[in-house]
């Protein structure tokens, strides 16, 4: 896909959102079920069932997916798609590219070993490795726009309002 094809594909969508802003507000959903036997949650991904469990650093077997890894994978996926979309739209040719996300956790927090230890990622690093002949100013623009338009990155960076509830069924 080139820039013209991308613009042509997105033009009617953008026009609709400009004329009807409420049409652009879409609720994404995720659903999972608690495993009856083990300490795991079966997450419906739309393509398959992903079984998340305890990380080995908290006593897990390592056979199930770690939700922390899944968060980083979601960041990599979103950032990679955004990078490619921005590169396409701005005519920045990419020969190859890799997206790497790393995050540091102190498992003392999640295990309740140390009440002062943070629960959750203390730091997340996102890195792009690209092969391109584009000049540095174009790469700087590519990074800036990728940061700006990556939904998962912006969500992690800006921390949206989050609520939790429970009901008996």
Protein backbone atom coordinates (compact mmCIF):
# COMPACT_ATOMS: atom_id res chain seq x y z
CA UNK A 1 0.00 0.00 0.00
CA UNK A 2 1.31 3.45 -0.84
CA UNK A 3 0.41 6.89 0.55
CA UNK A 4 -2.27 7.54 -2.09
CA UNK A 5 -4.00 4.21 -1.42
CA UNK A 6 -3.89 4.81 2.34
CA UNK A 7 -5.35 8.31 1.97
CA UNK A 8 -8.06 7.04 -0.40
CA UNK A 9 -8.99 4.27 2.02
CA UNK A 10 -9.14 6.60 5.03
CA UNK A 11 -10.66 9.70 3.39
CA UNK A 12 -14.33 8.69 3.70
CA UNK A 13 -13.76 7.55 7.28
CA UNK A 14 -12.09 10.84 8.23
CA UNK A 15 -14.85 12.82 6.52
CA UNK A 16 -17.53 10.91 8.41
CA UNK A 17 -15.76 11.55 11.73
CA UNK A 18 -15.43 15.26 10.91
CA UNK A 19 -19.12 15.59 10.09
CA UNK A 20 -20.28 13.30 12.92
CA UNK A 21 -17.74 13.27 15.79
CA UNK A 22 -19.85 10.83 17.81
CA UNK A 23 -19.32 8.19 15.08
CA UNK A 24 -15.61 8.16 15.95
CA UNK A 25 -16.22 7.09 19.56
CA UNK A 26 -16.12 3.31 19.60
CA UNK A 27 -16.02 1.06 22.65
CA UNK A 28 -13.50 -1.75 22.32
CA UNK A 29 -14.10 -4.76 24.55
CA UNK A 30 -12.14 -7.65 25.95
CA UNK A 31 -13.58 -10.62 27.78
CA UNK A 32 -12.12 -13.48 29.73
CA UNK A 33 -13.23 -16.27 32.04
CA UNK A 34 -11.56 -17.45 35.22
CA UNK A 35 -10.12 -20.94 34.91
CA UNK A 36 -11.87 -23.39 37.26
CA UNK A 37 -8.80 -25.50 37.94
CA UNK A 38 -5.64 -23.43 37.85
CA UNK A 39 -4.75 -19.84 38.52
CA UNK A 40 -5.43 -18.59 35.02
CA UNK A 41 -7.79 -16.49 32.93
CA UNK A 42 -8.93 -17.49 29.45
CA UNK A 43 -9.00 -14.37 27.30
CA UNK A 44 -11.04 -14.28 24.08
CA UNK A 45 -8.80 -12.60 21.52
CA UNK A 46 -11.14 -12.73 18.53
CA UNK A 47 -8.83 -15.19 16.79
CA UNK A 48 -8.16 -17.74 19.52
CA UNK A 49 -8.33 -18.30 23.23
CA UNK A 50 -5.28 -16.99 25.08
CA UNK A 51 -4.67 -18.46 28.51
CA UNK A 52 -2.94 -16.07 30.89
CA UNK A 53 -1.47 -17.24 34.15
CA UNK A 54 1.09 -16.42 36.78
CA UNK A 55 4.54 -15.31 35.65
CA UNK A 56 7.27 -17.73 36.75
CA UNK A 57 8.61 -14.97 39.03
CA UNK A 58 5.34 -15.27 41.00
CA UNK A 59 5.13 -19.07 41.02
CA UNK A 60 3.71 -19.74 37.57
CA UNK A 61 4.78 -22.63 35.37
CA UNK A 62 5.58 -20.42 32.38
CA UNK A 63 3.15 -22.44 30.25
CA UNK A 64 0.51 -19.69 30.26
CA UNK A 65 0.86 -16.21 28.85
CA UNK A 66 1.94 -13.45 31.22
CA UNK A 67 -0.37 -10.45 31.20
CA UNK A 68 2.64 -8.14 31.54
CA UNK A 69 4.11 -9.64 28.39
CA UNK A 70 0.71 -9.24 26.71
CA UNK A 71 0.70 -5.54 27.61
CA UNK A 72 4.14 -5.10 26.05
CA UNK A 73 3.04 -7.14 23.02
CA UNK A 74 -0.01 -4.87 22.60
CA UNK A 75 2.32 -1.87 22.72
CA UNK A 76 4.64 -3.42 20.11
CA UNK A 77 1.70 -4.31 17.85
CA UNK A 78 0.13 -0.87 18.03
CA UNK A 79 3.43 0.97 17.68
CA UNK A 80 4.46 -1.20 14.73
CA UNK A 81 1.18 -0.66 12.88
CA UNK A 82 1.30 3.07 13.65
CA UNK A 83 4.92 3.37 12.51
CA UNK A 84 4.16 1.61 9.23
CA UNK A 85 1.02 3.68 8.67
CA UNK A 86 2.84 6.96 9.32
CA UNK A 87 5.79 5.89 7.15
CA UNK A 88 3.35 5.04 4.35
CA UNK A 89 1.40 8.28 4.68
CA UNK A 90 4.54 10.43 4.71
CA UNK A 91 6.35 8.51 1.95
CA UNK A 92 9.19 7.40 4.21
CA UNK A 93 10.48 4.14 2.73
CA UNK A 94 11.24 1.41 5.26
CA UNK A 95 13.21 -1.60 4.07
CA UNK A 96 12.83 -3.45 7.38
CA UNK A 97 11.85 -2.59 10.90
CA UNK A 98 11.68 -4.05 14.37
CA UNK A 99 9.74 -2.81 17.37
CA UNK A 100 11.01 -3.73 20.83
CA UNK A 101 9.30 -3.03 24.17
CA UNK A 102 10.89 -3.78 27.52
CA UNK A 103 9.45 -3.17 30.95
CA UNK A 104 10.86 -3.43 34.45
CA UNK A 105 8.80 -4.98 37.24
CA UNK A 106 9.62 -5.51 40.91
CA UNK A 107 7.67 -8.64 41.77
CA UNK A 108 7.96 -7.92 45.49
CA UNK A 109 5.08 -5.47 44.97
CA UNK A 110 2.65 -7.83 43.29
CA UNK A 111 3.45 -10.61 45.78
CA UNK A 112 2.97 -8.30 48.78
CA UNK A 113 6.50 -8.97 50.01
CA UNK A 114 7.33 -5.27 50.29
CA UNK A 115 4.51 -2.74 50.67
CA UNK A 116 6.85 0.00 49.38
CA UNK A 117 7.61 -1.85 46.13
CA UNK A 118 5.51 -0.70 43.18
CA UNK A 119 2.85 -2.98 41.74
CA UNK A 120 3.14 -2.71 37.98
CA UNK A 121 5.76 -1.56 35.53
CA UNK A 122 8.20 0.96 36.93
CA UNK A 123 9.58 1.75 33.49
CA UNK A 124 8.71 0.82 29.91
CA UNK A 125 11.08 1.40 27.02
CA UNK A 126 9.91 1.33 23.40
CA UNK A 127 12.51 1.16 20.65
CA UNK A 128 12.35 1.09 16.86
CA UNK A 129 15.10 -0.32 14.68
CA UNK A 130 14.59 0.61 11.02
CA UNK A 131 16.52 0.14 7.82
CA UNK A 132 15.89 3.11 5.57
CA UNK A 133 17.65 5.59 3.34
CA UNK A 134 15.46 8.43 4.63
CA UNK A 135 17.30 11.44 6.09
CA UNK A 136 17.40 11.96 9.86
CA UNK A 137 14.80 14.75 9.82
CA UNK A 138 12.31 12.33 8.25
CA UNK A 139 13.09 9.71 10.91
CA UNK A 140 12.60 12.33 13.63
CA UNK A 141 9.19 13.15 12.13
CA UNK A 142 8.33 9.45 11.88
CA UNK A 143 9.11 8.92 15.57
CA UNK A 144 7.22 12.05 16.63
CA UNK A 145 4.09 11.09 14.67
CA UNK A 146 4.26 7.45 15.74
CA UNK A 147 4.35 8.56 19.39
CA UNK A 148 1.48 10.95 18.80
CA UNK A 149 -0.85 8.50 17.08
CA UNK A 150 -0.09 5.17 18.81
CA UNK A 151 -3.18 4.40 20.90
CA UNK A 152 -1.52 1.97 23.30
CA UNK A 153 1.53 4.18 23.83
CA UNK A 154 -0.63 7.23 24.54
CA UNK A 155 -2.87 5.20 26.86
CA UNK A 156 0.09 3.98 28.90
CA UNK A 157 1.78 7.39 28.88
CA UNK A 158 -1.28 9.42 29.86
CA UNK A 159 -3.11 6.98 32.12
CA UNK A 160 -6.84 7.15 31.31
CA UNK A 161 -9.59 7.22 33.90
CA UNK A 162 -10.10 3.62 35.02
CA UNK A 163 -12.93 2.19 37.08
CA UNK A 164 -13.50 -1.24 38.62
CA UNK A 165 -16.75 -2.88 39.67
CA UNK A 166 -18.03 -6.28 40.69
CA UNK A 167 -21.45 -7.86 40.59
CA UNK A 168 -22.80 -11.18 41.68
CA UNK A 169 -24.25 -13.38 38.90
